[in-house]
Amino acid sequence: MSRKLSVLVLEGLPTLYAGGQERSLYEVVRGLRKQGAAVTLAFEKDGDLVPRYCALGVEIFQIPARQVILKSINAPQSIWKFSVSLCRVVRRWREAKQKWNLIYVNQYFDLPLAVLSGRILKIPVVCHLRLAAPIYLSRQYRWGLNRCNLLICNSHFCARTYQQEGISAEKMS
């Protein structure tokens, strides 16, 4: 008997006004819900799409950070916020009746929290890459990309840019 798909989705700012990635994520979640998947959205900053996610039957909760900003005077605060986020994700999973069996992220910025959560909870992480690799890819993002279970690239060009940064082509779809 197969288990029902239950997905944790991480997002920075769920809004219609930031760009195409956020709209696309909403459509992915809408499609998952139509297929009967249980979806939980953890978001960093409240946005205008939060009520729409709720109307889809998506469980939501807020987190203070998805990544750590180390090269800043605020590094200790950033580490603290990230730790709080990790604890909230793990606590939500432990309290949930329907345990997540997948973590889905919409961009590499979300990978530090996603990959650590996935390792603690022993569930796979999928990252959808819609943009080419940046000129500089920091260690925490490179670490996350290399430990992600699957990278979905929107184009061959996008995949090539990450491969040029040393990310394994075997992880890419």
N, C-alpha and C. Protein backbone atom coordinates (compact mmCIF):
# COMPACT_ATOMS: atom_id res chain seq x y z
N MET A 1 0.85 -1.19 0.00
CA MET A 1 0.00 0.00 0.00
C MET A 1 0.88 1.24 0.00
N SER A 2 0.66 2.14 -0.95
CA SER A 2 1.50 3.34 -1.01
C SER A 2 1.00 4.40 -0.04
N ARG A 3 1.96 5.14 0.44
CA ARG A 3 1.67 6.21 1.39
C ARG A 3 1.27 7.47 0.64
N LYS A 4 0.36 8.24 1.18
CA LYS A 4 -0.05 9.50 0.58
C LYS A 4 1.12 10.48 0.60
N LEU A 5 1.30 11.20 -0.49
CA LEU A 5 2.38 12.18 -0.56
C LEU A 5 2.08 13.34 0.38
N SER A 6 3.05 13.66 1.21
CA SER A 6 2.94 14.78 2.13
C SER A 6 4.23 15.60 2.00
N VAL A 7 4.10 16.86 1.65
CA VAL A 7 5.24 17.67 1.25
C VAL A 7 5.36 18.91 2.14
N LEU A 8 6.60 19.18 2.57
CA LEU A 8 6.92 20.46 3.19
C LEU A 8 7.52 21.33 2.10
N VAL A 9 6.97 22.52 1.94
CA VAL A 9 7.46 23.49 0.96
C VAL A 9 8.02 24.67 1.73
N LEU A 10 9.22 25.11 1.37
CA LEU A 10 9.83 26.28 2.00
C LEU A 10 9.79 27.45 1.03
N GLU A 11 9.48 28.64 1.56
CA GLU A 11 9.40 29.84 0.72
C GLU A 11 9.82 31.05 1.54
N GLY A 12 10.44 31.99 0.89
CA GLY A 12 10.85 33.22 1.55
C GLY A 12 9.69 34.18 1.72
N LEU A 13 9.12 34.59 0.60
CA LEU A 13 8.03 35.57 0.61
C LEU A 13 6.95 35.11 -0.37
N PRO A 14 5.87 34.52 0.12
CA PRO A 14 4.80 34.06 -0.77
C PRO A 14 3.95 35.23 -1.26
N THR A 15 4.32 35.76 -2.43
CA THR A 15 3.64 36.92 -2.99
C THR A 15 3.53 36.82 -4.50
N LEU A 16 2.53 37.46 -5.03
CA LEU A 16 2.38 37.55 -6.48
C LEU A 16 3.28 38.63 -7.09
N TYR A 17 3.83 39.48 -6.25
CA TYR A 17 4.49 40.68 -6.75
C TYR A 17 6.01 40.64 -6.75
N ALA A 18 6.61 39.50 -6.42
CA ALA A 18 8.07 39.42 -6.40
C ALA A 18 8.64 38.89 -7.71
N GLY A 19 7.88 38.08 -8.42
CA GLY A 19 8.38 37.53 -9.67
C GLY A 19 7.73 36.21 -10.01
N GLY A 20 8.23 35.59 -11.07
CA GLY A 20 7.64 34.36 -11.59
C GLY A 20 7.85 33.14 -10.72
N GLN A 21 8.96 33.08 -9.97
CA GLN A 21 9.22 31.91 -9.14
C GLN A 21 8.14 31.70 -8.10
N GLU A 22 7.72 32.76 -7.47
CA GLU A 22 6.69 32.66 -6.43
C GLU A 22 5.35 32.23 -7.02
N ARG A 23 5.02 32.77 -8.18
CA ARG A 23 3.78 32.36 -8.85
C ARG A 23 3.84 30.89 -9.27
N SER A 24 4.99 30.51 -9.80
CA SER A 24 5.17 29.12 -10.21
C SER A 24 5.06 28.17 -9.03
N LEU A 25 5.64 28.54 -7.89
CA LEU A 25 5.54 27.71 -6.70
C LEU A 25 4.08 27.53 -6.29
N TYR A 26 3.32 28.60 -6.34
CA TYR A 26 1.90 28.51 -6.01
C TYR A 26 1.21 27.50 -6.93
N GLU A 27 1.53 27.53 -8.22
CA GLU A 27 0.92 26.60 -9.18
C GLU A 27 1.36 25.16 -8.90
N VAL A 28 2.62 24.96 -8.52
CA VAL A 28 3.09 23.62 -8.16
C VAL A 28 2.29 23.10 -6.96
N VAL A 29 2.14 23.94 -5.94
CA VAL A 29 1.40 23.54 -4.74
C VAL A 29 -0.06 23.27 -5.10
N ARG A 30 -0.64 24.10 -5.93
CA ARG A 30 -2.03 23.90 -6.35
C ARG A 30 -2.18 22.55 -7.06
N GLY A 31 -1.21 22.23 -7.91
CA GLY A 31 -1.23 20.94 -8.61
C GLY A 31 -1.08 19.77 -7.65
N LEU A 32 -0.19 19.91 -6.68
CA LEU A 32 -0.03 18.85 -5.67
C LEU A 32 -1.33 18.62 -4.91
N ARG A 33 -1.98 19.71 -4.52
CA ARG A 33 -3.24 19.59 -3.78
C ARG A 33 -4.32 18.93 -4.63
N LYS A 34 -4.38 19.27 -5.94
CA LYS A 34 -5.36 18.64 -6.83
C LYS A 34 -5.14 17.14 -6.94
N GLN A 35 -3.88 16.73 -6.81
CA GLN A 35 -3.55 15.30 -6.86
C GLN A 35 -3.74 14.60 -5.52
N GLY A 36 -4.16 15.37 -4.51
CA GLY A 36 -4.45 14.78 -3.20
C GLY A 36 -3.30 14.79 -2.21
N ALA A 37 -2.21 15.46 -2.56
CA ALA A 37 -1.07 15.53 -1.64
C ALA A 37 -1.38 16.48 -0.49
N ALA A 38 -0.89 16.15 0.67
CA ALA A 38 -0.94 17.06 1.82
C ALA A 38 0.27 17.99 1.69
N VAL A 39 0.05 19.28 1.85
CA VAL A 39 1.14 20.24 1.69
C VAL A 39 1.17 21.16 2.91
N THR A 40 2.39 21.37 3.41
CA THR A 40 2.63 22.33 4.48
C THR A 40 3.61 23.36 3.93
N LEU A 41 3.30 24.63 4.13
CA LEU A 41 4.16 25.72 3.67
C LEU A 41 4.80 26.40 4.87
N ALA A 42 6.12 26.43 4.89
CA ALA A 42 6.86 27.21 5.90
C ALA A 42 7.41 28.42 5.17
N PHE A 43 7.06 29.61 5.64
CA PHE A 43 7.49 30.83 4.96
C PHE A 43 8.18 31.77 5.94
N GLU A 44 9.06 32.58 5.37
CA GLU A 44 9.83 33.50 6.20
C GLU A 44 9.10 34.83 6.42
N LYS A 45 8.59 35.43 5.36
CA LYS A 45 7.89 36.71 5.48
C LYS A 45 6.48 36.55 4.92
N ASP A 46 5.51 37.11 5.64
CA ASP A 46 4.11 37.02 5.24
C ASP A 46 3.90 37.76 3.92
N GLY A 47 3.11 37.16 3.04
CA GLY A 47 2.82 37.78 1.76
C GLY A 47 1.38 37.56 1.36
N ASP A 48 0.99 38.18 0.26
CA ASP A 48 -0.40 38.15 -0.19
C ASP A 48 -0.87 36.77 -0.65
N LEU A 49 0.04 35.83 -0.90
CA LEU A 49 -0.38 34.49 -1.31
C LEU A 49 -0.74 33.58 -0.13
N VAL A 50 -0.41 33.98 1.09
CA VAL A 50 -0.69 33.13 2.25
C VAL A 50 -2.19 32.80 2.35
N PRO A 51 -3.11 33.75 2.22
CA PRO A 51 -4.54 33.38 2.27
C PRO A 51 -4.94 32.43 1.14
N ARG A 52 -4.32 32.57 -0.02
CA ARG A 52 -4.63 31.67 -1.14
C ARG A 52 -4.13 30.26 -0.85
N TYR A 53 -2.95 30.16 -0.24
CA TYR A 53 -2.46 28.84 0.16
C TYR A 53 -3.42 28.22 1.17
N CYS A 54 -3.89 29.00 2.13
CA CYS A 54 -4.83 28.50 3.14
C CYS A 54 -6.12 28.02 2.47
N ALA A 55 -6.61 28.76 1.47
CA ALA A 55 -7.83 28.38 0.76
C ALA A 55 -7.66 27.06 0.02
N LEU A 56 -6.43 26.71 -0.34
CA LEU A 56 -6.16 25.42 -0.99
C LEU A 56 -6.12 24.27 0.02
N GLY A 57 -6.16 24.59 1.30
CA GLY A 57 -6.06 23.57 2.33
C GLY A 57 -4.62 23.27 2.73
N VAL A 58 -3.74 24.23 2.46
CA VAL A 58 -2.33 24.08 2.82
C VAL A 58 -2.15 24.51 4.26
N GLU A 59 -1.48 23.68 5.04
CA GLU A 59 -1.14 24.05 6.41
C GLU A 59 0.05 25.02 6.31
N ILE A 60 0.05 26.06 7.13
CA ILE A 60 1.13 27.04 7.06
C ILE A 60 1.73 27.30 8.43
N PHE A 61 3.00 27.69 8.42
CA PHE A 61 3.63 28.21 9.63
C PHE A 61 4.80 29.08 9.22
N GLN A 62 5.15 30.00 10.10
CA GLN A 62 6.20 30.97 9.80
C GLN A 62 7.51 30.56 10.48
N ILE A 63 8.60 30.84 9.78
CA ILE A 63 9.95 30.59 10.28
C ILE A 63 10.75 31.88 10.19
N PRO A 64 11.74 32.07 11.05
CA PRO A 64 12.51 33.32 11.00
C PRO A 64 13.61 33.36 9.92
N ALA A 65 14.11 32.21 9.46
CA ALA A 65 15.22 32.24 8.48
C ALA A 65 15.33 30.91 7.75
N ARG A 66 15.77 30.97 6.49
CA ARG A 66 16.00 29.75 5.70
C ARG A 66 17.48 29.52 5.44
N GLN A 67 18.30 30.48 5.79
CA GLN A 67 19.73 30.43 5.52
C GLN A 67 20.47 31.18 6.62
N VAL A 68 21.79 31.07 6.61
CA VAL A 68 22.62 31.77 7.60
C VAL A 68 23.45 32.81 6.87
N ILE A 69 23.43 34.03 7.37
CA ILE A 69 24.25 35.11 6.82
C ILE A 69 25.46 35.26 7.74
N LEU A 70 26.58 34.68 7.35
CA LEU A 70 27.76 34.67 8.21
C LEU A 70 28.64 35.91 8.08
N LYS A 71 28.69 36.49 6.89
CA LYS A 71 29.58 37.63 6.67
C LYS A 71 28.85 38.93 6.99
N SER A 72 28.52 39.07 8.25
CA SER A 72 27.76 40.23 8.69
C SER A 72 27.99 40.42 10.19
N ILE A 73 27.80 41.64 10.64
CA ILE A 73 27.89 41.91 12.07
C ILE A 73 26.76 41.19 12.81
N ASN A 74 25.70 40.85 12.06
CA ASN A 74 24.54 40.18 12.65
C ASN A 74 24.63 38.65 12.55
N ALA A 75 25.82 38.10 12.31
CA ALA A 75 25.97 36.64 12.16
C ALA A 75 25.43 35.87 13.35
N PRO A 76 25.71 36.26 14.60
CA PRO A 76 25.14 35.49 15.73
C PRO A 76 23.61 35.46 15.70
N GLN A 77 23.00 36.59 15.38
CA GLN A 77 21.54 36.65 15.30
C GLN A 77 21.04 35.77 14.15
N SER A 78 21.75 35.77 13.03
CA SER A 78 21.37 34.96 11.89
C SER A 78 21.44 33.47 12.23
N ILE A 79 22.50 33.07 12.92
CA ILE A 79 22.65 31.67 13.34
C ILE A 79 21.51 31.29 14.28
N TRP A 80 21.17 32.18 15.20
CA TRP A 80 20.08 31.93 16.13
C TRP A 80 18.75 31.76 15.39
N LYS A 81 18.44 32.66 14.47
CA LYS A 81 17.18 32.59 13.71
C LYS A 81 17.10 31.29 12.91
N PHE A 82 18.22 30.92 12.29
CA PHE A 82 18.26 29.68 11.52
C PHE A 82 18.00 28.48 12.43
N SER A 83 18.62 28.48 13.61
CA SER A 83 18.43 27.39 14.57
C SER A 83 16.97 27.29 15.01
N VAL A 84 16.35 28.43 15.24
CA VAL A 84 14.93 28.46 15.61
C VAL A 84 14.09 27.86 14.49
N SER A 85 14.40 28.22 13.25
CA SER A 85 13.67 27.68 12.10
C SER A 85 13.79 26.17 12.04
N LEU A 86 15.00 25.67 12.20
CA LEU A 86 15.24 24.23 12.17
C LEU A 86 14.43 23.52 13.26
N CYS A 87 14.43 24.09 14.44
CA CYS A 87 13.65 23.52 15.56
C CYS A 87 12.16 23.53 15.25
N ARG A 88 11.67 24.61 14.64
CA ARG A 88 10.24 24.69 14.31
C ARG A 88 9.85 23.63 13.28
N VAL A 89 10.69 23.44 12.29
CA VAL A 89 10.41 22.43 11.26
C VAL A 89 10.36 21.04 11.89
N VAL A 90 11.36 20.71 12.69
CA VAL A 90 11.42 19.38 13.32
C VAL A 90 10.23 19.18 14.27
N ARG A 91 9.91 20.21 15.05
CA ARG A 91 8.77 20.11 15.97
C ARG A 91 7.46 19.90 15.20
N ARG A 92 7.24 20.63 14.11
CA ARG A 92 6.03 20.47 13.30
C ARG A 92 5.91 19.05 12.76
N TRP A 93 7.04 18.51 12.29
CA TRP A 93 7.04 17.15 11.75
C TRP A 93 6.67 16.15 12.85
N ARG A 94 7.26 16.33 14.03
CA ARG A 94 6.98 15.41 15.14
C ARG A 94 5.52 15.48 15.59
N GLU A 95 4.93 16.68 15.53
CA GLU A 95 3.54 16.87 15.98
C GLU A 95 2.52 16.50 14.91
N ALA A 96 2.95 16.38 13.65
CA ALA A 96 2.02 16.16 12.54
C ALA A 96 1.45 14.75 12.56
N LYS A 97 0.18 14.64 12.22
CA LYS A 97 -0.45 13.33 12.06
C LYS A 97 0.04 12.70 10.77
N GLN A 98 0.10 13.50 9.72
CA GLN A 98 0.60 13.05 8.42
C GLN A 98 2.04 13.54 8.28
N LYS A 99 3.00 12.65 8.44
CA LYS A 99 4.42 13.02 8.37
C LYS A 99 4.80 13.36 6.93
N TRP A 100 5.59 14.39 6.74
CA TRP A 100 6.07 14.73 5.40
C TRP A 100 6.99 13.61 4.91
N ASN A 101 6.89 13.32 3.63
CA ASN A 101 7.81 12.36 3.05
C ASN A 101 8.64 12.98 1.94
N LEU A 102 8.60 14.32 1.85
CA LEU A 102 9.38 15.05 0.86
C LEU A 102 9.46 16.52 1.27
N ILE A 103 10.62 17.12 1.03
CA ILE A 103 10.77 18.57 1.18
C ILE A 103 11.04 19.13 -0.21
N TYR A 104 10.26 20.13 -0.59
CA TYR A 104 10.37 20.74 -1.92
C TYR A 104 10.72 22.21 -1.74
N VAL A 105 11.75 22.66 -2.45
CA VAL A 105 12.11 24.07 -2.42
C VAL A 105 12.16 24.61 -3.84
N ASN A 106 11.98 25.90 -3.92
CA ASN A 106 11.80 26.60 -5.18
C ASN A 106 13.07 27.29 -5.67
N GLN A 107 14.11 27.28 -4.85
CA GLN A 107 15.35 27.97 -5.21
C GLN A 107 16.46 27.53 -4.26
N TYR A 108 17.69 27.73 -4.68
CA TYR A 108 18.81 27.24 -3.86
C TYR A 108 18.95 27.99 -2.54
N PHE A 109 18.38 29.18 -2.40
CA PHE A 109 18.44 29.92 -1.13
C PHE A 109 17.82 29.12 0.03
N ASP A 110 16.86 28.26 -0.30
CA ASP A 110 16.14 27.50 0.72
C ASP A 110 16.85 26.21 1.12
N LEU A 111 17.92 25.86 0.43
CA LEU A 111 18.56 24.56 0.65
C LEU A 111 19.23 24.38 2.01
N PRO A 112 19.86 25.39 2.61
CA PRO A 112 20.46 25.12 3.92
C PRO A 112 19.46 24.55 4.92
N LEU A 113 18.30 25.18 5.06
CA LEU A 113 17.29 24.69 5.98
C LEU A 113 16.67 23.38 5.48
N ALA A 114 16.41 23.30 4.19
CA ALA A 114 15.78 22.09 3.64
C ALA A 114 16.66 20.86 3.82
N VAL A 115 17.94 20.98 3.48
CA VAL A 115 18.83 19.81 3.55
C VAL A 115 19.06 19.38 5.00
N LEU A 116 19.30 20.33 5.90
CA LEU A 116 19.47 19.95 7.31
C LEU A 116 18.19 19.30 7.86
N SER A 117 17.05 19.86 7.53
CA SER A 117 15.78 19.28 7.97
C SER A 117 15.60 17.88 7.39
N GLY A 118 15.90 17.74 6.11
CA GLY A 118 15.78 16.44 5.46
C GLY A 118 16.68 15.39 6.08
N ARG A 119 17.88 15.80 6.45
CA ARG A 119 18.81 14.84 7.08
C ARG A 119 18.32 14.43 8.47
N ILE A 120 17.84 15.40 9.23
CA ILE A 120 17.34 15.08 10.58
C ILE A 120 16.10 14.19 10.50
N LEU A 121 15.19 14.51 9.58
CA LEU A 121 13.93 13.79 9.46
C LEU A 121 14.03 12.55 8.56
N LYS A 122 15.17 12.40 7.89
CA LYS A 122 15.41 11.26 6.99
C LYS A 122 14.40 11.22 5.84
N ILE A 123 14.20 12.39 5.21
CA ILE A 123 13.33 12.47 4.04
C ILE A 123 14.07 13.21 2.92
N PRO A 124 13.75 12.90 1.67
CA PRO A 124 14.46 13.51 0.54
C PRO A 124 14.09 14.98 0.32
N VAL A 125 15.03 15.67 -0.34
CA VAL A 125 14.85 17.09 -0.66
C VAL A 125 14.96 17.27 -2.17
N VAL A 126 13.98 17.97 -2.73
CA VAL A 126 13.96 18.28 -4.15
C VAL A 126 14.03 19.80 -4.29
N CYS A 127 14.93 20.26 -5.15
CA CYS A 127 15.08 21.70 -5.39
C CYS A 127 14.79 21.99 -6.86
N HIS A 128 13.89 22.91 -7.11
CA HIS A 128 13.54 23.34 -8.46
C HIS A 128 14.36 24.59 -8.79
N LEU A 129 15.26 24.45 -9.72
CA LEU A 129 16.12 25.57 -10.13
C LEU A 129 15.57 26.20 -11.40
N ARG A 130 15.12 27.42 -11.27
CA ARG A 130 14.52 28.12 -12.40
C ARG A 130 15.46 29.14 -13.03
N LEU A 131 16.50 29.50 -12.31
CA LEU A 131 17.45 30.51 -12.79
C LEU A 131 18.85 29.91 -12.89
N ALA A 132 19.66 30.47 -13.73
CA ALA A 132 21.05 30.03 -13.88
C ALA A 132 21.81 30.25 -12.58
N ALA A 133 22.88 29.50 -12.42
CA ALA A 133 23.72 29.65 -11.23
C ALA A 133 24.26 31.08 -11.16
N PRO A 134 24.37 31.63 -9.96
CA PRO A 134 24.90 32.98 -9.82
C PRO A 134 26.40 33.01 -10.12
N ILE A 135 26.93 34.18 -10.30
CA ILE A 135 28.37 34.33 -10.56
C ILE A 135 29.17 33.77 -9.39
N TYR A 136 28.71 34.02 -8.18
CA TYR A 136 29.37 33.47 -7.00
C TYR A 136 28.36 32.61 -6.25
N LEU A 137 28.69 31.36 -6.03
CA LEU A 137 27.84 30.43 -5.30
C LEU A 137 28.50 30.14 -3.97
N SER A 138 27.93 30.65 -2.87
CA SER A 138 28.55 30.52 -1.55
C SER A 138 28.64 29.06 -1.10
N ARG A 139 29.46 28.83 -0.10
CA ARG A 139 29.67 27.46 0.40
C ARG A 139 28.40 26.82 0.91
N GLN A 140 27.54 27.59 1.63
CA GLN A 140 26.34 26.97 2.18
C GLN A 140 25.38 26.54 1.07
N TYR A 141 25.32 27.29 -0.03
CA TYR A 141 24.44 26.90 -1.14
C TYR A 141 25.05 25.75 -1.94
N ARG A 142 26.36 25.79 -2.14
CA ARG A 142 27.04 24.69 -2.83
C ARG A 142 26.87 23.40 -2.02
N TRP A 143 27.04 23.53 -0.69
CA TRP A 143 26.83 22.39 0.21
C TRP A 143 25.42 21.83 0.04
N GLY A 144 24.42 22.70 0.05
CA GLY A 144 23.03 22.27 -0.10
C GLY A 144 22.75 21.63 -1.44
N LEU A 145 23.26 22.23 -2.51
CA LEU A 145 23.05 21.67 -3.85
C LEU A 145 23.67 20.27 -3.97
N ASN A 146 24.83 20.08 -3.39
CA ASN A 146 25.51 18.79 -3.47
C ASN A 146 24.86 17.72 -2.60
N ARG A 147 24.03 18.12 -1.63
CA ARG A 147 23.39 17.15 -0.74
C ARG A 147 21.89 16.99 -1.00
N CYS A 148 21.39 17.75 -1.94
CA CYS A 148 20.00 17.64 -2.34
C CYS A 148 19.81 16.31 -3.09
N ASN A 149 18.66 15.69 -2.95
CA ASN A 149 18.41 14.40 -3.61
C ASN A 149 18.14 14.55 -5.10
N LEU A 150 17.44 15.62 -5.49
CA LEU A 150 17.11 15.84 -6.89
C LEU A 150 17.07 17.34 -7.16
N LEU A 151 17.66 17.72 -8.28
CA LEU A 151 17.61 19.11 -8.75
C LEU A 151 16.83 19.13 -10.05
N ILE A 152 15.73 19.85 -10.07
CA ILE A 152 14.94 20.00 -11.28
C ILE A 152 15.36 21.31 -11.93
N CYS A 153 15.92 21.22 -13.13
CA CYS A 153 16.37 22.42 -13.84
C CYS A 153 15.37 22.76 -14.95
N ASN A 154 15.06 24.04 -15.08
CA ASN A 154 14.09 24.47 -16.08
C ASN A 154 14.60 24.38 -17.51
N SER A 155 15.92 24.31 -17.68
CA SER A 155 16.47 24.25 -19.04
C SER A 155 17.83 23.58 -19.01
N HIS A 156 18.29 23.18 -20.19
CA HIS A 156 19.64 22.62 -20.30
C HIS A 156 20.68 23.68 -19.94
N PHE A 157 20.41 24.92 -20.32
CA PHE A 157 21.33 26.01 -19.99
C PHE A 157 21.46 26.15 -18.47
N CYS A 158 20.34 26.16 -17.78
CA CYS A 158 20.34 26.26 -16.32
C CYS A 158 21.16 25.12 -15.72
N ALA A 159 20.93 23.91 -16.18
CA ALA A 159 21.66 22.75 -15.67
C ALA A 159 23.17 22.91 -15.91
N ARG A 160 23.54 23.35 -17.10
CA ARG A 160 24.97 23.54 -17.43
C ARG A 160 25.64 24.53 -16.50
N THR A 161 24.94 25.61 -16.14
CA THR A 161 25.56 26.62 -15.27
C THR A 161 25.87 26.05 -13.89
N TYR A 162 25.00 25.17 -13.39
CA TYR A 162 25.27 24.54 -12.09
C TYR A 162 26.35 23.46 -12.22
N GLN A 163 26.36 22.76 -13.33
CA GLN A 163 27.42 21.78 -13.57
C GLN A 163 28.79 22.46 -13.63
N GLN A 164 28.83 23.65 -14.22
CA GLN A 164 30.08 24.42 -14.28
C GLN A 164 30.54 24.85 -12.90
N GLU A 165 29.62 24.89 -11.95
CA GLU A 165 29.96 25.22 -10.56
C GLU A 165 30.31 23.98 -9.74
N GLY A 166 30.36 22.83 -10.42
CA GLY A 166 30.77 21.60 -9.75
C GLY A 166 29.64 20.77 -9.18
N ILE A 167 28.40 21.10 -9.51
CA ILE A 167 27.26 20.34 -9.03
C ILE A 167 27.05 19.14 -9.95
N SER A 168 26.86 17.97 -9.37
CA SER A 168 26.77 16.73 -10.13
C SER A 168 25.57 16.70 -11.09
N ALA A 169 25.86 16.35 -12.33
CA ALA A 169 24.81 16.23 -13.35
C ALA A 169 23.87 15.07 -13.03
N GLU A 170 24.35 14.10 -12.27
CA GLU A 170 23.53 12.93 -11.92
C GLU A 170 22.33 13.30 -11.05
N LYS A 171 22.40 14.41 -10.35
CA LYS A 171 21.31 14.85 -9.49
C LYS A 171 20.26 15.64 -10.26
N MET A 172 20.58 16.00 -11.50
CA MET A 172 19.72 16.93 -12.27
C MET A 172 18.73 16.19 -13.16
N SER A 173 17.56 16.79 -13.22
CA SER A 173 16.51 16.27 -14.07
C SER A 173 16.00 17.40 -14.94
